[in-house]
Amino acid sequence: MTVSLPLVFVLGVVAWAAIKFLGVRLWVAVVIALFGFWLSHTFLAPAIETSTRTGVDVVNGTDK
């Protein structure tokens, strides 16, 4: 059985768990999210996206 989850959902669950169980403050999570949002508008965005896709492919076993 294959289950498909969007990466943003998985990261949201990880962020919720970090806030709930690890004691990460909400404002820290917001700052990290804003940093990611602003980073996506820089010249590094294509490299980050390619690396993320490659990492997901490796985890899923679909690496060519």
PDB file of N, CA and C in Angstrom:
ATOM      1  N   MET A   1       0.842  -1.181   0.000  1.00  0.00           N
ATOM      2  CA  MET A   1       0.000   0.000   0.000  1.00  0.00           C
ATOM      3  C   MET A   1       0.882   1.237   0.000  1.00  0.00           C
ATOM      4  N   THR A   2       0.615   2.131  -0.902  1.00  0.00           N
ATOM      5  CA  THR A   2       1.388   3.357  -1.016  1.00  0.00           C
ATOM      6  C   THR A   2       0.605   4.521  -0.427  1.00  0.00           C
ATOM      7  N   VAL A   3       1.283   5.289   0.401  1.00  0.00           N
ATOM      8  CA  VAL A   3       0.671   6.478   0.985  1.00  0.00           C
ATOM      9  C   VAL A   3       1.459   7.678   0.488  1.00  0.00           C
ATOM     10  N   SER A   4       0.757   8.655  -0.039  1.00  0.00           N
ATOM     11  CA  SER A   4       1.411   9.850  -0.554  1.00  0.00           C
ATOM     12  C   SER A   4       1.037  11.039   0.320  1.00  0.00           C
ATOM     13  N   LEU A   5       2.054  11.671   0.903  1.00  0.00           N
ATOM     14  CA  LEU A   5       1.848  12.850   1.744  1.00  0.00           C
ATOM     15  C   LEU A   5       2.661  14.005   1.196  1.00  0.00           C
ATOM     16  N   PRO A   6       2.067  15.188   1.148  1.00  0.00           N
ATOM     17  CA  PRO A   6       2.855  16.350   0.743  1.00  0.00           C
ATOM     18  C   PRO A   6       3.951  16.642   1.778  1.00  0.00           C
ATOM     19  N   LEU A   7       5.100  17.059   1.288  1.00  0.00           N
ATOM     20  CA  LEU A   7       6.224  17.357   2.173  1.00  0.00           C
ATOM     21  C   LEU A   7       5.866  18.457   3.167  1.00  0.00           C
ATOM     22  N   VAL A   8       5.080  19.423   2.750  1.00  0.00           N
ATOM     23  CA  VAL A   8       4.722  20.513   3.658  1.00  0.00           C
ATOM     24  C   VAL A   8       3.889  19.979   4.827  1.00  0.00           C
ATOM     25  N   PHE A   9       3.062  18.954   4.599  1.00  0.00           N
ATOM     26  CA  PHE A   9       2.290  18.345   5.688  1.00  0.00           C
ATOM     27  C   PHE A   9       3.225  17.649   6.678  1.00  0.00           C
ATOM     28  N   VAL A  10       4.179  16.906   6.166  1.00  0.00           N
ATOM     29  CA  VAL A  10       5.136  16.204   7.017  1.00  0.00           C
ATOM     30  C   VAL A  10       5.940  17.203   7.846  1.00  0.00           C
ATOM     31  N   LEU A  11       6.402  18.269   7.219  1.00  0.00           N
ATOM     32  CA  LEU A  11       7.157  19.282   7.951  1.00  0.00           C
ATOM     33  C   LEU A  11       6.283  19.994   8.983  1.00  0.00           C
ATOM     34  N   GLY A  12       5.017  20.178   8.668  1.00  0.00           N
ATOM     35  CA  GLY A  12       4.094  20.779   9.630  1.00  0.00           C
ATOM     36  C   GLY A  12       3.910  19.904  10.863  1.00  0.00           C
ATOM     37  N   VAL A  13       3.812  18.599  10.658  1.00  0.00           N
ATOM     38  CA  VAL A  13       3.688  17.666  11.781  1.00  0.00           C
ATOM     39  C   VAL A  13       4.968  17.679  12.623  1.00  0.00           C
ATOM     40  N   VAL A  14       6.110  17.729  11.968  1.00  0.00           N
ATOM     41  CA  VAL A  14       7.383  17.792  12.688  1.00  0.00           C
ATOM     42  C   VAL A  14       7.464  19.085  13.502  1.00  0.00           C
ATOM     43  N   ALA A  15       7.042  20.201  12.919  1.00  0.00           N
ATOM     44  CA  ALA A  15       7.065  21.478  13.642  1.00  0.00           C
ATOM     45  C   ALA A  15       6.113  21.435  14.837  1.00  0.00           C
ATOM     46  N   TRP A  16       4.911  20.880  14.637  1.00  0.00           N
ATOM     47  CA  TRP A  16       3.960  20.765  15.743  1.00  0.00           C
ATOM     48  C   TRP A  16       4.530  19.909  16.874  1.00  0.00           C
ATOM     49  N   ALA A  17       5.154  18.778  16.511  1.00  0.00           N
ATOM     50  CA  ALA A  17       5.736  17.892  17.516  1.00  0.00           C
ATOM     51  C   ALA A  17       6.883  18.581  18.258  1.00  0.00           C
ATOM     52  N   ALA A  18       7.682  19.366  17.537  1.00  0.00           N
ATOM     53  CA  ALA A  18       8.781  20.081  18.183  1.00  0.00           C
ATOM     54  C   ALA A  18       8.256  21.106  19.177  1.00  0.00           C
ATOM     55  N   ILE A  19       7.196  21.789  18.820  1.00  0.00           N
ATOM     56  CA  ILE A  19       6.611  22.773  19.733  1.00  0.00           C
ATOM     57  C   ILE A  19       5.971  22.070  20.927  1.00  0.00           C
ATOM     58  N   LYS A  20       5.255  20.999  20.671  1.00  0.00           N
ATOM     59  CA  LYS A  20       4.500  20.304  21.719  1.00  0.00           C
ATOM     60  C   LYS A  20       5.403  19.518  22.664  1.00  0.00           C
ATOM     61  N   PHE A  21       6.336  18.735  22.119  1.00  0.00           N
ATOM     62  CA  PHE A  21       7.086  17.786  22.936  1.00  0.00           C
ATOM     63  C   PHE A  21       8.521  18.208  23.254  1.00  0.00           C
ATOM     64  N   LEU A  22       9.131  19.020  22.404  1.00  0.00           N
ATOM     65  CA  LEU A  22      10.521  19.410  22.644  1.00  0.00           C
ATOM     66  C   LEU A  22      10.652  20.785  23.294  1.00  0.00           C
ATOM     67  N   GLY A  23       9.541  21.474  23.438  1.00  0.00           N
ATOM     68  CA  GLY A  23       9.578  22.769  24.099  1.00  0.00           C
ATOM     69  C   GLY A  23      10.076  23.910  23.229  1.00  0.00           C
ATOM     70  N   VAL A  24      10.055  23.716  21.912  1.00  0.00           N
ATOM     71  CA  VAL A  24      10.450  24.802  21.011  1.00  0.00           C
ATOM     72  C   VAL A  24       9.368  25.880  21.087  1.00  0.00           C
ATOM     73  N   ARG A  25       9.777  27.098  21.265  1.00  0.00           N
ATOM     74  CA  ARG A  25       8.807  28.182  21.382  1.00  0.00           C
ATOM     75  C   ARG A  25       8.193  28.500  20.016  1.00  0.00           C
ATOM     76  N   LEU A  26       6.948  28.919  20.038  1.00  0.00           N
ATOM     77  CA  LEU A  26       6.220  29.202  18.803  1.00  0.00           C
ATOM     78  C   LEU A  26       6.910  30.286  17.985  1.00  0.00           C
ATOM     79  N   TRP A  27       7.438  31.314  18.642  1.00  0.00           N
ATOM     80  CA  TRP A  27       8.068  32.398  17.894  1.00  0.00           C
ATOM     81  C   TRP A  27       9.315  31.907  17.158  1.00  0.00           C
ATOM     82  N   VAL A  28       9.999  30.910  17.701  1.00  0.00           N
ATOM     83  CA  VAL A  28      11.172  30.351  17.014  1.00  0.00           C
ATOM     84  C   VAL A  28      10.729  29.634  15.745  1.00  0.00           C
ATOM     85  N   ALA A  29       9.644  28.873  15.838  1.00  0.00           N
ATOM     86  CA  ALA A  29       9.121  28.181  14.661  1.00  0.00           C
ATOM     87  C   ALA A  29       8.673  29.175  13.593  1.00  0.00           C
ATOM     88  N   VAL A  30       8.072  30.278  14.010  1.00  0.00           N
ATOM     89  CA  VAL A  30       7.637  31.309  13.060  1.00  0.00           C
ATOM     90  C   VAL A  30       8.840  31.958  12.383  1.00  0.00           C
ATOM     91  N   VAL A  31       9.883  32.253  13.146  1.00  0.00           N
ATOM     92  CA  VAL A  31      11.096  32.847  12.561  1.00  0.00           C
ATOM     93  C   VAL A  31      11.730  31.893  11.553  1.00  0.00           C
ATOM     94  N   ILE A  32      11.773  30.616  11.872  1.00  0.00           N
ATOM     95  CA  ILE A  32      12.343  29.633  10.942  1.00  0.00           C
ATOM     96  C   ILE A  32      11.506  29.547   9.670  1.00  0.00           C
ATOM     97  N   ALA A  33      10.178  29.569   9.811  1.00  0.00           N
ATOM     98  CA  ALA A  33       9.298  29.529   8.636  1.00  0.00           C
ATOM     99  C   ALA A  33       9.487  30.768   7.773  1.00  0.00           C
ATOM    100  N   LEU A  34       9.582  31.932   8.397  1.00  0.00           N
ATOM    101  CA  LEU A  34       9.808  33.164   7.638  1.00  0.00           C
ATOM    102  C   LEU A  34      11.159  33.142   6.937  1.00  0.00           C
ATOM    103  N   PHE A  35      12.179  32.609   7.605  1.00  0.00           N
ATOM    104  CA  PHE A  35      13.486  32.492   6.978  1.00  0.00           C
ATOM    105  C   PHE A  35      13.404  31.623   5.728  1.00  0.00           C
ATOM    106  N   GLY A  36      12.694  30.501   5.823  1.00  0.00           N
ATOM    107  CA  GLY A  36      12.528  29.631   4.661  1.00  0.00           C
ATOM    108  C   GLY A  36      11.780  30.318   3.534  1.00  0.00           C
ATOM    109  N   PHE A  37      10.752  31.094   3.905  1.00  0.00           N
ATOM    110  CA  PHE A  37       9.984  31.827   2.899  1.00  0.00           C
ATOM    111  C   PHE A  37      10.861  32.841   2.183  1.00  0.00           C
ATOM    112  N   TRP A  38      11.635  33.606   2.929  1.00  0.00           N
ATOM    113  CA  TRP A  38      12.505  34.609   2.299  1.00  0.00           C
ATOM    114  C   TRP A  38      13.653  33.956   1.540  1.00  0.00           C
ATOM    115  N   LEU A  39      14.141  32.826   2.040  1.00  0.00           N
ATOM    116  CA  LEU A  39      15.215  32.121   1.350  1.00  0.00           C
ATOM    117  C   LEU A  39      14.750  31.596  -0.004  1.00  0.00           C
ATOM    118  N   SER A  40      13.457  31.296  -0.116  1.00  0.00           N
ATOM    119  CA  SER A  40      12.937  30.772  -1.383  1.00  0.00           C
ATOM    120  C   SER A  40      12.949  31.806  -2.502  1.00  0.00           C
ATOM    121  N   HIS A  41      13.158  33.055  -2.158  1.00  0.00           N
ATOM    122  CA  HIS A  41      13.204  34.118  -3.164  1.00  0.00           C
ATOM    123  C   HIS A  41      14.628  34.545  -3.497  1.00  0.00           C
ATOM    124  N   THR A  42      15.601  33.719  -3.130  1.00  0.00           N
ATOM    125  CA  THR A  42      16.991  34.040  -3.416  1.00  0.00           C
ATOM    126  C   THR A  42      17.520  33.137  -4.529  1.00  0.00           C
ATOM    127  N   PHE A  43      18.767  33.324  -4.872  1.00  0.00           N
ATOM    128  CA  PHE A  43      19.398  32.518  -5.911  1.00  0.00           C
ATOM    129  C   PHE A  43      19.650  31.081  -5.440  1.00  0.00           C
ATOM    130  N   LEU A  44      19.511  30.812  -4.148  1.00  0.00           N
ATOM    131  CA  LEU A  44      19.721  29.466  -3.621  1.00  0.00           C
ATOM    132  C   LEU A  44      18.517  28.554  -3.783  1.00  0.00           C
ATOM    133  N   ALA A  45      17.357  29.116  -4.107  1.00  0.00           N
ATOM    134  CA  ALA A  45      16.118  28.337  -4.176  1.00  0.00           C
ATOM    135  C   ALA A  45      16.204  27.135  -5.131  1.00  0.00           C
ATOM    136  N   PRO A  46      16.719  27.281  -6.355  1.00  0.00           N
ATOM    137  CA  PRO A  46      16.787  26.113  -7.241  1.00  0.00           C
ATOM    138  C   PRO A  46      17.668  24.989  -6.675  1.00  0.00           C
ATOM    139  N   ALA A  47      18.768  25.347  -6.047  1.00  0.00           N
ATOM    140  CA  ALA A  47      19.645  24.323  -5.470  1.00  0.00           C
ATOM    141  C   ALA A  47      18.968  23.621  -4.304  1.00  0.00           C
ATOM    142  N   ILE A  48      18.238  24.361  -3.493  1.00  0.00           N
ATOM    143  CA  ILE A  48      17.524  23.762  -2.366  1.00  0.00           C
ATOM    144  C   ILE A  48      16.432  22.826  -2.870  1.00  0.00           C
ATOM    145  N   GLU A  49      15.688  23.247  -3.884  1.00  0.00           N
ATOM    146  CA  GLU A  49      14.616  22.406  -4.414  1.00  0.00           C
ATOM    147  C   GLU A  49      15.169  21.119  -5.031  1.00  0.00           C
ATOM    148  N   THR A  50      16.244  21.238  -5.783  1.00  0.00           N
ATOM    149  CA  THR A  50      16.862  20.060  -6.387  1.00  0.00           C
ATOM    150  C   THR A  50      17.367  19.097  -5.315  1.00  0.00           C
ATOM    151  N   SER A  51      18.005  19.629  -4.297  1.00  0.00           N
ATOM    152  CA  SER A  51      18.508  18.787  -3.207  1.00  0.00           C
ATOM    153  C   SER A  51      17.368  18.101  -2.469  1.00  0.00           C
ATOM    154  N   THR A  52      16.285  18.835  -2.229  1.00  0.00           N
ATOM    155  CA  THR A  52      15.137  18.250  -1.541  1.00  0.00           C
ATOM    156  C   THR A  52      14.518  17.140  -2.367  1.00  0.00           C
ATOM    157  N   ARG A  53      14.350  17.370  -3.666  1.00  0.00           N
ATOM    158  CA  ARG A  53      13.765  16.340  -4.531  1.00  0.00           C
ATOM    159  C   ARG A  53      14.656  15.104  -4.591  1.00  0.00           C
ATOM    160  N   THR A  54      15.962  15.313  -4.664  1.00  0.00           N
ATOM    161  CA  THR A  54      16.890  14.184  -4.686  1.00  0.00           C
ATOM    162  C   THR A  54      16.818  13.404  -3.381  1.00  0.00           C
ATOM    163  N   GLY A  55      16.778  14.104  -2.260  1.00  0.00           N
ATOM    164  CA  GLY A  55      16.673  13.440  -0.965  1.00  0.00           C
ATOM    165  C   GLY A  55      15.387  12.640  -0.833  1.00  0.00           C
ATOM    166  N   VAL A  56      14.269  13.192  -1.287  1.00  0.00           N
ATOM    167  CA  VAL A  56      12.989  12.470  -1.234  1.00  0.00           C
ATOM    168  C   VAL A  56      13.054  11.248  -2.139  1.00  0.00           C
ATOM    169  N   ASP A  57      13.655  11.380  -3.311  1.00  0.00           N
ATOM    170  CA  ASP A  57      13.780  10.241  -4.218  1.00  0.00           C
ATOM    171  C   ASP A  57      14.631   9.137  -3.596  1.00  0.00           C
ATOM    172  N   VAL A  58      15.701   9.509  -2.897  1.00  0.00           N
ATOM    173  CA  VAL A  58      16.552   8.516  -2.261  1.00  0.00           C
ATOM    174  C   VAL A  58      15.776   7.792  -1.158  1.00  0.00           C
ATOM    175  N   VAL A  59      15.038   8.552  -0.351  1.00  0.00           N
ATOM    176  CA  VAL A  59      14.250   7.940   0.731  1.00  0.00           C
ATOM    177  C   VAL A  59      13.169   7.022   0.168  1.00  0.00           C
ATOM    178  N   ASN A  60      12.548   7.437  -0.912  1.00  0.00           N
ATOM    179  CA  ASN A  60      11.481   6.642  -1.517  1.00  0.00           C
ATOM    180  C   ASN A  60      12.003   5.475  -2.351  1.00  0.00           C
ATOM    181  N   GLY A  61      13.293   5.458  -2.626  1.00  0.00           N
ATOM    182  CA  GLY A  61      13.859   4.375  -3.427  1.00  0.00           C
ATOM    183  C   GLY A  61      13.611   4.539  -4.904  1.00  0.00           C
ATOM    184  N   THR A  62      13.310   5.762  -5.353  1.00  0.00           N
ATOM    185  CA  THR A  62      13.066   5.998  -6.775  1.00  0.00           C
ATOM    186  C   THR A  62      14.235   6.696  -7.436  1.00  0.00           C
ATOM    187  N   ASP A  63      15.374   6.689  -6.760  1.00  0.00           N
ATOM    188  CA  ASP A  63      16.570   7.330  -7.322  1.00  0.00           C
ATOM    189  C   ASP A  63      17.016   6.542  -8.540  1.00  0.00           C
ATOM    190  N   LYS A  64      17.332   7.254  -9.630  1.00  0.00           N
ATOM    191  CA  LYS A  64      17.676   6.598 -10.896  1.00  0.00           C
ATOM    192  C   LYS A  64      19.132   6.257 -10.953  1.00  0.00           C
TER     193      LYS A  64
END
